[in-house]
Amino acid sequence: GIIVMPEGYLRGVRELCTTYDVLMIADEVA
C-alpha cells in the first residue's frame, strides 16, 4: 500500500546487520 519508512530506520537496519553478521538484501525492483 505504498508504506513510507520513517527516516533513520533503514540506516539502523544496515548497522544491525553489520553488527550481527547478517547479510542485508535491498529489493529496489520498484
Full PDB file with SEQRES, HELIX, SHEET, SSBOND, CRYST1, ORIGX, SCALE, CONECT and MASTER records, all heavy atoms in Angstrom:
SEQRES   1 A   30  GLY ILE ILE VAL MET PRO GLU GLY TYR LEU ARG GLY VAL          
SEQRES   2 A   30  ARG GLU LEU CYS THR THR TYR ASP VAL LEU MET ILE ALA          
SEQRES   3 A   30  ASP GLU VAL ALA                                              
HELIX    1 AA1 TYR A    9  THR A   19  1                                  11    
CRYST1    1.000    1.000    1.000  90.00  90.00  90.00 P 1           1          
ORIGX1      1.000000  0.000000  0.000000        0.00000                         
ORIGX2      0.000000  1.000000  0.000000        0.00000                         
ORIGX3      0.000000  0.000000  1.000000        0.00000                         
SCALE1      1.000000  0.000000  0.000000        0.00000                         
SCALE2      0.000000  1.000000  0.000000        0.00000                         
SCALE3      0.000000  0.000000  1.000000        0.00000                         
ATOM      1  N   GLY A   1       0.793  -1.220   0.000  1.00  0.00           N  
ATOM      2  CA  GLY A   1       0.000   0.000   0.000  1.00  0.00           C  
ATOM      3  C   GLY A   1       0.825   1.269   0.000  1.00  0.00           C  
ATOM      4  O   GLY A   1       0.384   2.318   0.455  1.00  0.00           O  
ATOM      5  N   ILE A   2       2.036   1.205  -0.525  1.00  0.00           N  
ATOM      6  CA  ILE A   2       2.959   2.358  -0.579  1.00  0.00           C  
ATOM      7  C   ILE A   2       3.189   2.889   0.833  1.00  0.00           C  
ATOM      8  O   ILE A   2       2.828   4.007   1.199  1.00  0.00           O  
ATOM      9  CB  ILE A   2       2.453   3.476  -1.520  1.00  0.00           C  
ATOM     10  CG1 ILE A   2       1.913   2.889  -2.832  1.00  0.00           C  
ATOM     11  CG2 ILE A   2       3.559   4.481  -1.801  1.00  0.00           C  
ATOM     12  CD1 ILE A   2       2.932   2.102  -3.629  1.00  0.00           C  
ATOM     13  N   ILE A   3       3.829   2.048   1.645  1.00  0.00           N  
ATOM     14  CA  ILE A   3       4.147   2.407   3.029  1.00  0.00           C  
ATOM     15  C   ILE A   3       5.521   3.062   3.041  1.00  0.00           C  
ATOM     16  O   ILE A   3       6.512   2.452   2.648  1.00  0.00           O  
ATOM     17  CB  ILE A   3       4.146   1.168   3.950  1.00  0.00           C  
ATOM     18  CG1 ILE A   3       2.830   0.380   3.798  1.00  0.00           C  
ATOM     19  CG2 ILE A   3       4.376   1.580   5.390  1.00  0.00           C  
ATOM     20  CD1 ILE A   3       1.587   1.169   4.118  1.00  0.00           C  
ATOM     21  N   VAL A   4       5.592   4.298   3.497  1.00  0.00           N  
ATOM     22  CA  VAL A   4       6.843   5.050   3.504  1.00  0.00           C  
ATOM     23  C   VAL A   4       7.517   4.910   4.871  1.00  0.00           C  
ATOM     24  O   VAL A   4       6.934   5.213   5.906  1.00  0.00           O  
ATOM     25  CB  VAL A   4       6.616   6.532   3.170  1.00  0.00           C  
ATOM     26  CG1 VAL A   4       7.935   7.296   3.207  1.00  0.00           C  
ATOM     27  CG2 VAL A   4       5.969   6.666   1.789  1.00  0.00           C  
ATOM     28  N   MET A   5       8.749   4.452   4.847  1.00  0.00           N  
ATOM     29  CA  MET A   5       9.530   4.181   6.050  1.00  0.00           C  
ATOM     30  C   MET A   5       9.968   5.487   6.717  1.00  0.00           C  
ATOM     31  O   MET A   5      10.472   6.385   6.041  1.00  0.00           O  
ATOM     32  CB  MET A   5      10.759   3.369   5.615  1.00  0.00           C  
ATOM     33  CG  MET A   5      11.706   2.955   6.702  1.00  0.00           C  
ATOM     34  SD  MET A   5      13.182   2.177   5.956  1.00  0.00           S  
ATOM     35  CE  MET A   5      12.511   0.637   5.361  1.00  0.00           C  
ATOM     36  N   PRO A   6       9.817   5.614   8.032  1.00  0.00           N  
ATOM     37  CA  PRO A   6      10.321   6.812   8.723  1.00  0.00           C  
ATOM     38  C   PRO A   6      11.847   6.917   8.618  1.00  0.00           C  
ATOM     39  O   PRO A   6      12.542   5.903   8.596  1.00  0.00           O  
ATOM     40  CB  PRO A   6       9.888   6.593  10.175  1.00  0.00           C  
ATOM     41  CG  PRO A   6       8.841   5.554  10.140  1.00  0.00           C  
ATOM     42  CD  PRO A   6       9.134   4.696   8.955  1.00  0.00           C  
ATOM     43  N   GLU A   7      12.328   8.135   8.567  1.00  0.00           N  
ATOM     44  CA  GLU A   7      13.756   8.378   8.404  1.00  0.00           C  
ATOM     45  C   GLU A   7      14.558   7.774   9.560  1.00  0.00           C  
ATOM     46  O   GLU A   7      14.186   7.912  10.730  1.00  0.00           O  
ATOM     47  CB  GLU A   7      14.010   9.886   8.339  1.00  0.00           C  
ATOM     48  CG  GLU A   7      15.451  10.257   8.059  1.00  0.00           C  
ATOM     49  CD  GLU A   7      15.655  11.752   7.965  1.00  0.00           C  
ATOM     50  OE1 GLU A   7      14.646  12.495   7.923  1.00  0.00           O  
ATOM     51  OE2 GLU A   7      16.829  12.191   7.924  1.00  0.00           O  
ATOM     52  N   GLY A   8      15.632   7.113   9.226  1.00  0.00           N  
ATOM     53  CA  GLY A   8      16.519   6.548  10.224  1.00  0.00           C  
ATOM     54  C   GLY A   8      16.422   5.045  10.366  1.00  0.00           C  
ATOM     55  O   GLY A   8      17.356   4.392  10.840  1.00  0.00           O  
ATOM     56  N   TYR A   9      15.297   4.477   9.942  1.00  0.00           N  
ATOM     57  CA  TYR A   9      15.130   3.036  10.127  1.00  0.00           C  
ATOM     58  C   TYR A   9      16.059   2.233   9.220  1.00  0.00           C  
ATOM     59  O   TYR A   9      16.701   1.275   9.660  1.00  0.00           O  
ATOM     60  CB  TYR A   9      13.676   2.625   9.877  1.00  0.00           C  
ATOM     61  CG  TYR A   9      13.444   1.141  10.130  1.00  0.00           C  
ATOM     62  CD1 TYR A   9      13.377   0.645  11.424  1.00  0.00           C  
ATOM     63  CD2 TYR A   9      13.301   0.249   9.077  1.00  0.00           C  
ATOM     64  CE1 TYR A   9      13.177  -0.713  11.669  1.00  0.00           C  
ATOM     65  CE2 TYR A   9      13.106  -1.111   9.304  1.00  0.00           C  
ATOM     66  CZ  TYR A   9      13.042  -1.584  10.602  1.00  0.00           C  
ATOM     67  OH  TYR A   9      12.856  -2.924  10.833  1.00  0.00           O  
ATOM     68  N   LEU A  10      16.155   2.616   7.957  1.00  0.00           N  
ATOM     69  CA  LEU A  10      16.988   1.858   7.024  1.00  0.00           C  
ATOM     70  C   LEU A  10      18.447   1.882   7.469  1.00  0.00           C  
ATOM     71  O   LEU A  10      19.132   0.846   7.442  1.00  0.00           O  
ATOM     72  CB  LEU A  10      16.859   2.423   5.612  1.00  0.00           C  
ATOM     73  CG  LEU A  10      17.529   1.596   4.509  1.00  0.00           C  
ATOM     74  CD1 LEU A  10      16.809   0.270   4.318  1.00  0.00           C  
ATOM     75  CD2 LEU A  10      17.570   2.365   3.196  1.00  0.00           C  
ATOM     76  N   ARG A  11      18.929   3.033   7.877  1.00  0.00           N  
ATOM     77  CA  ARG A  11      20.299   3.139   8.372  1.00  0.00           C  
ATOM     78  C   ARG A  11      20.485   2.238   9.597  1.00  0.00           C  
ATOM     79  O   ARG A  11      21.504   1.562   9.746  1.00  0.00           O  
ATOM     80  CB  ARG A  11      20.600   4.606   8.714  1.00  0.00           C  
ATOM     81  CG  ARG A  11      21.830   4.868   9.576  1.00  0.00           C  
ATOM     82  CD  ARG A  11      23.110   4.284   9.060  1.00  0.00           C  
ATOM     83  NE  ARG A  11      23.461   4.727   7.720  1.00  0.00           N  
ATOM     84  CZ  ARG A  11      24.513   4.274   7.045  1.00  0.00           C  
ATOM     85  NH1 ARG A  11      25.295   3.357   7.593  1.00  0.00           N  
ATOM     86  NH2 ARG A  11      24.776   4.714   5.836  1.00  0.00           N  
ATOM     87  N   GLY A  12      19.494   2.206  10.473  1.00  0.00           N  
ATOM     88  CA  GLY A  12      19.570   1.354  11.655  1.00  0.00           C  
ATOM     89  C   GLY A  12      19.616  -0.126  11.308  1.00  0.00           C  
ATOM     90  O   GLY A  12      20.350  -0.905  11.929  1.00  0.00           O  
ATOM     91  N   VAL A  13      18.838  -0.515  10.297  1.00  0.00           N  
ATOM     92  CA  VAL A  13      18.846  -1.909   9.841  1.00  0.00           C  
ATOM     93  C   VAL A  13      20.234  -2.286   9.319  1.00  0.00           C  
ATOM     94  O   VAL A  13      20.766  -3.360   9.628  1.00  0.00           O  
ATOM     95  CB  VAL A  13      17.775  -2.141   8.752  1.00  0.00           C  
ATOM     96  CG1 VAL A  13      17.947  -3.501   8.083  1.00  0.00           C  
ATOM     97  CG2 VAL A  13      16.379  -2.033   9.344  1.00  0.00           C  
ATOM     98  N   ARG A  14      20.819  -1.403   8.523  1.00  0.00           N  
ATOM     99  CA  ARG A  14      22.155  -1.672   7.994  1.00  0.00           C  
ATOM    100  C   ARG A  14      23.158  -1.871   9.136  1.00  0.00           C  
ATOM    101  O   ARG A  14      23.994  -2.792   9.102  1.00  0.00           O  
ATOM    102  CB  ARG A  14      22.586  -0.519   7.091  1.00  0.00           C  
ATOM    103  CG  ARG A  14      24.031  -0.540   6.605  1.00  0.00           C  
ATOM    104  CD  ARG A  14      24.348  -1.662   5.628  1.00  0.00           C  
ATOM    105  NE  ARG A  14      24.688  -2.927   6.267  1.00  0.00           N  
ATOM    106  CZ  ARG A  14      25.043  -4.024   5.595  1.00  0.00           C  
ATOM    107  NH1 ARG A  14      25.116  -4.006   4.275  1.00  0.00           N  
ATOM    108  NH2 ARG A  14      25.321  -5.135   6.230  1.00  0.00           N  
ATOM    109  N   GLU A  15      23.113  -1.016  10.118  1.00  0.00           N  
ATOM    110  CA  GLU A  15      24.058  -1.100  11.229  1.00  0.00           C  
ATOM    111  C   GLU A  15      23.874  -2.382  12.026  1.00  0.00           C  
ATOM    112  O   GLU A  15      24.858  -3.032  12.433  1.00  0.00           O  
ATOM    113  CB  GLU A  15      23.904   0.135  12.125  1.00  0.00           C  
ATOM    114  CG  GLU A  15      24.380   1.415  11.449  1.00  0.00           C  
ATOM    115  CD  GLU A  15      24.063   2.672  12.237  1.00  0.00           C  
ATOM    116  OE1 GLU A  15      23.363   2.555  13.274  1.00  0.00           O  
ATOM    117  OE2 GLU A  15      24.487   3.767  11.811  1.00  0.00           O  
ATOM    118  N   LEU A  16      22.631  -2.780  12.240  1.00  0.00           N  
ATOM    119  CA  LEU A  16      22.370  -4.011  12.989  1.00  0.00           C  
ATOM    120  C   LEU A  16      22.815  -5.240  12.206  1.00  0.00           C  
ATOM    121  O   LEU A  16      23.371  -6.186  12.785  1.00  0.00           O  
ATOM    122  CB  LEU A  16      20.883  -4.106  13.338  1.00  0.00           C  
ATOM    123  CG  LEU A  16      20.386  -3.146  14.418  1.00  0.00           C  
ATOM    124  CD1 LEU A  16      18.869  -3.235  14.550  1.00  0.00           C  
ATOM    125  CD2 LEU A  16      21.056  -3.420  15.761  1.00  0.00           C  
ATOM    126  N   CYS A  17      22.567  -5.245  10.900  1.00  0.00           N  
ATOM    127  CA  CYS A  17      23.004  -6.377  10.079  1.00  0.00           C  
ATOM    128  C   CYS A  17      24.524  -6.510  10.118  1.00  0.00           C  
ATOM    129  O   CYS A  17      25.065  -7.625  10.200  1.00  0.00           O  
ATOM    130  CB  CYS A  17      22.518  -6.213   8.643  1.00  0.00           C  
ATOM    131  SG  CYS A  17      20.758  -6.544   8.418  1.00  0.00           S  
ATOM    132  N   THR A  18      25.212  -5.387  10.075  1.00  0.00           N  
ATOM    133  CA  THR A  18      26.675  -5.414  10.148  1.00  0.00           C  
ATOM    134  C   THR A  18      27.138  -5.928  11.511  1.00  0.00           C  
ATOM    135  O   THR A  18      28.027  -6.789  11.606  1.00  0.00           O  
ATOM    136  CB  THR A  18      27.241  -4.007   9.898  1.00  0.00           C  
ATOM    137  OG1 THR A  18      26.829  -3.548   8.612  1.00  0.00           O  
ATOM    138  CG2 THR A  18      28.766  -4.019   9.970  1.00  0.00           C  
ATOM    139  N   THR A  19      26.536  -5.415  12.558  1.00  0.00           N  
ATOM    140  CA  THR A  19      26.927  -5.804  13.919  1.00  0.00           C  
ATOM    141  C   THR A  19      26.751  -7.297  14.157  1.00  0.00           C  
ATOM    142  O   THR A  19      27.610  -7.946  14.773  1.00  0.00           O  
ATOM    143  CB  THR A  19      26.095  -5.019  14.950  1.00  0.00           C  
ATOM    144  OG1 THR A  19      26.354  -3.620  14.796  1.00  0.00           O  
ATOM    145  CG2 THR A  19      26.422  -5.448  16.377  1.00  0.00           C  
ATOM    146  N   TYR A  20      25.662  -7.846  13.656  1.00  0.00           N  
ATOM    147  CA  TYR A  20      25.333  -9.246  13.939  1.00  0.00           C  
ATOM    148  C   TYR A  20      25.671 -10.196  12.789  1.00  0.00           C  
ATOM    149  O   TYR A  20      25.256 -11.352  12.798  1.00  0.00           O  
ATOM    150  CB  TYR A  20      23.861  -9.364  14.344  1.00  0.00           C  
ATOM    151  CG  TYR A  20      23.590  -8.738  15.694  1.00  0.00           C  
ATOM    152  CD1 TYR A  20      23.100  -7.433  15.792  1.00  0.00           C  
ATOM    153  CD2 TYR A  20      23.865  -9.425  16.863  1.00  0.00           C  
ATOM    154  CE1 TYR A  20      22.873  -6.848  17.030  1.00  0.00           C  
ATOM    155  CE2 TYR A  20      23.635  -8.856  18.110  1.00  0.00           C  
ATOM    156  CZ  TYR A  20      23.135  -7.564  18.184  1.00  0.00           C  
ATOM    157  OH  TYR A  20      22.922  -6.979  19.423  1.00  0.00           O  
ATOM    158  N   ASP A  21      26.453  -9.731  11.840  1.00  0.00           N  
ATOM    159  CA  ASP A  21      26.959 -10.572  10.754  1.00  0.00           C  
ATOM    160  C   ASP A  21      25.823 -11.253   9.979  1.00  0.00           C  
ATOM    161  O   ASP A  21      25.814 -12.465   9.750  1.00  0.00           O  
ATOM    162  CB  ASP A  21      27.915 -11.626  11.309  1.00  0.00           C  
ATOM    163  CG  ASP A  21      28.914 -12.110  10.255  1.00  0.00           C  
ATOM    164  OD1 ASP A  21      29.086 -11.412   9.228  1.00  0.00           O  
ATOM    165  OD2 ASP A  21      29.514 -13.184  10.450  1.00  0.00           O  
ATOM    166  N   VAL A  22      24.859 -10.447   9.573  1.00  0.00           N  
ATOM    167  CA  VAL A  22      23.721 -10.903   8.758  1.00  0.00           C  
ATOM    168  C   VAL A  22      23.738 -10.088   7.468  1.00  0.00           C  
ATOM    169  O   VAL A  22      23.903  -8.866   7.502  1.00  0.00           O  
ATOM    170  CB  VAL A  22      22.389 -10.703   9.520  1.00  0.00           C  
ATOM    171  CG1 VAL A  22      21.196 -10.881   8.594  1.00  0.00           C  
ATOM    172  CG2 VAL A  22      22.302 -11.677  10.699  1.00  0.00           C  
ATOM    173  N   LEU A  23      23.603 -10.752   6.347  1.00  0.00           N  
ATOM    174  CA  LEU A  23      23.591 -10.034   5.072  1.00  0.00           C  
ATOM    175  C   LEU A  23      22.321  -9.208   4.935  1.00  0.00           C  
ATOM    176  O   LEU A  23      21.245  -9.612   5.387  1.00  0.00           O  
ATOM    177  CB  LEU A  23      23.703 -11.008   3.907  1.00  0.00           C  
ATOM    178  CG  LEU A  23      24.966 -11.875   3.836  1.00  0.00           C  
ATOM    179  CD1 LEU A  23      24.921 -12.770   2.602  1.00  0.00           C  
ATOM    180  CD2 LEU A  23      26.228 -11.017   3.834  1.00  0.00           C  
ATOM    181  N   MET A  24      22.444  -8.059   4.285  1.00  0.00           N  
ATOM    182  CA  MET A  24      21.291  -7.199   4.012  1.00  0.00           C  
ATOM    183  C   MET A  24      21.024  -7.205   2.513  1.00  0.00           C  
ATOM    184  O   MET A  24      21.896  -6.868   1.710  1.00  0.00           O  
ATOM    185  CB  MET A  24      21.555  -5.770   4.492  1.00  0.00           C  
ATOM    186  CG  MET A  24      20.414  -4.807   4.218  1.00  0.00           C  
ATOM    187  SD  MET A  24      20.837  -3.119   4.748  1.00  0.00           S  
ATOM    188  CE  MET A  24      19.355  -2.236   4.217  1.00  0.00           C  
ATOM    189  N   ILE A  25      19.814  -7.580   2.147  1.00  0.00           N  
ATOM    190  CA  ILE A  25      19.372  -7.558   0.750  1.00  0.00           C  
ATOM    191  C   ILE A  25      18.372  -6.420   0.594  1.00  0.00           C  
ATOM    192  O   ILE A  25      17.350  -6.382   1.278  1.00  0.00           O  
ATOM    193  CB  ILE A  25      18.702  -8.882   0.337  1.00  0.00           C  
ATOM    194  CG1 ILE A  25      19.662 -10.064   0.534  1.00  0.00           C  
ATOM    195  CG2 ILE A  25      18.216  -8.817  -1.110  1.00  0.00           C  
ATOM    196  CD1 ILE A  25      18.989 -11.425   0.374  1.00  0.00           C  
ATOM    197  N   ALA A  26      18.657  -5.489  -0.289  1.00  0.00           N  
ATOM    198  CA  ALA A  26      17.732  -4.387  -0.584  1.00  0.00           C  
ATOM    199  C   ALA A  26      17.014  -4.683  -1.895  1.00  0.00           C  
ATOM    200  O   ALA A  26      17.645  -4.787  -2.940  1.00  0.00           O  
ATOM    201  CB  ALA A  26      18.482  -3.068  -0.675  1.00  0.00           C  
ATOM    202  N   ASP A  27      15.716  -4.837  -1.817  1.00  0.00           N  
ATOM    203  CA  ASP A  27      14.908  -5.077  -3.017  1.00  0.00           C  
ATOM    204  C   ASP A  27      14.485  -3.726  -3.578  1.00  0.00           C  
ATOM    205  O   ASP A  27      13.527  -3.106  -3.114  1.00  0.00           O  
ATOM    206  CB  ASP A  27      13.691  -5.923  -2.658  1.00  0.00           C  
ATOM    207  CG  ASP A  27      12.778  -6.188  -3.848  1.00  0.00           C  
ATOM    208  OD1 ASP A  27      13.046  -5.647  -4.948  1.00  0.00           O  
ATOM    209  OD2 ASP A  27      11.789  -6.915  -3.699  1.00  0.00           O  
ATOM    210  N   GLU A  28      15.204  -3.278  -4.603  1.00  0.00           N  
ATOM    211  CA  GLU A  28      14.931  -1.985  -5.238  1.00  0.00           C  
ATOM    212  C   GLU A  28      14.255  -2.166  -6.599  1.00  0.00           C  
ATOM    213  O   GLU A  28      14.364  -1.292  -7.463  1.00  0.00           O  
ATOM    214  CB  GLU A  28      16.230  -1.185  -5.380  1.00  0.00           C  
ATOM    215  CG  GLU A  28      16.838  -0.760  -4.057  1.00  0.00           C  
ATOM    216  CD  GLU A  28      16.933   0.750  -3.909  1.00  0.00           C  
ATOM    217  OE1 GLU A  28      16.141   1.460  -4.565  1.00  0.00           O  
ATOM    218  OE2 GLU A  28      17.792   1.208  -3.133  1.00  0.00           O  
ATOM    219  N   VAL A  29      13.561  -3.267  -6.771  1.00  0.00           N  
ATOM    220  CA  VAL A  29      12.879  -3.511  -8.042  1.00  0.00           C  
ATOM    221  C   VAL A  29      11.900  -2.377  -8.339  1.00  0.00           C  
ATOM    222  O   VAL A  29      11.845  -1.853  -9.453  1.00  0.00           O  
ATOM    223  CB  VAL A  29      12.169  -4.876  -8.039  1.00  0.00           C  
ATOM    224  CG1 VAL A  29      11.309  -5.036  -9.288  1.00  0.00           C  
ATOM    225  CG2 VAL A  29      13.200  -6.007  -7.962  1.00  0.00           C  
ATOM    226  N   ALA A  30      11.111  -1.985  -7.345  1.00  0.00           N  
ATOM    227  CA  ALA A  30      10.142  -0.904  -7.536  1.00  0.00           C  
ATOM    228  C   ALA A  30      10.743   0.471  -7.297  1.00  0.00           C  
ATOM    229  O   ALA A  30      10.385   1.439  -7.963  1.00  0.00           O  
ATOM    230  CB  ALA A  30       8.943  -1.111  -6.612  1.00  0.00           C  
TER     231      ALA A  30                                                      
MASTER        0    0    0    1    0    0    0    6  230    1    0    3          
END                                                                             
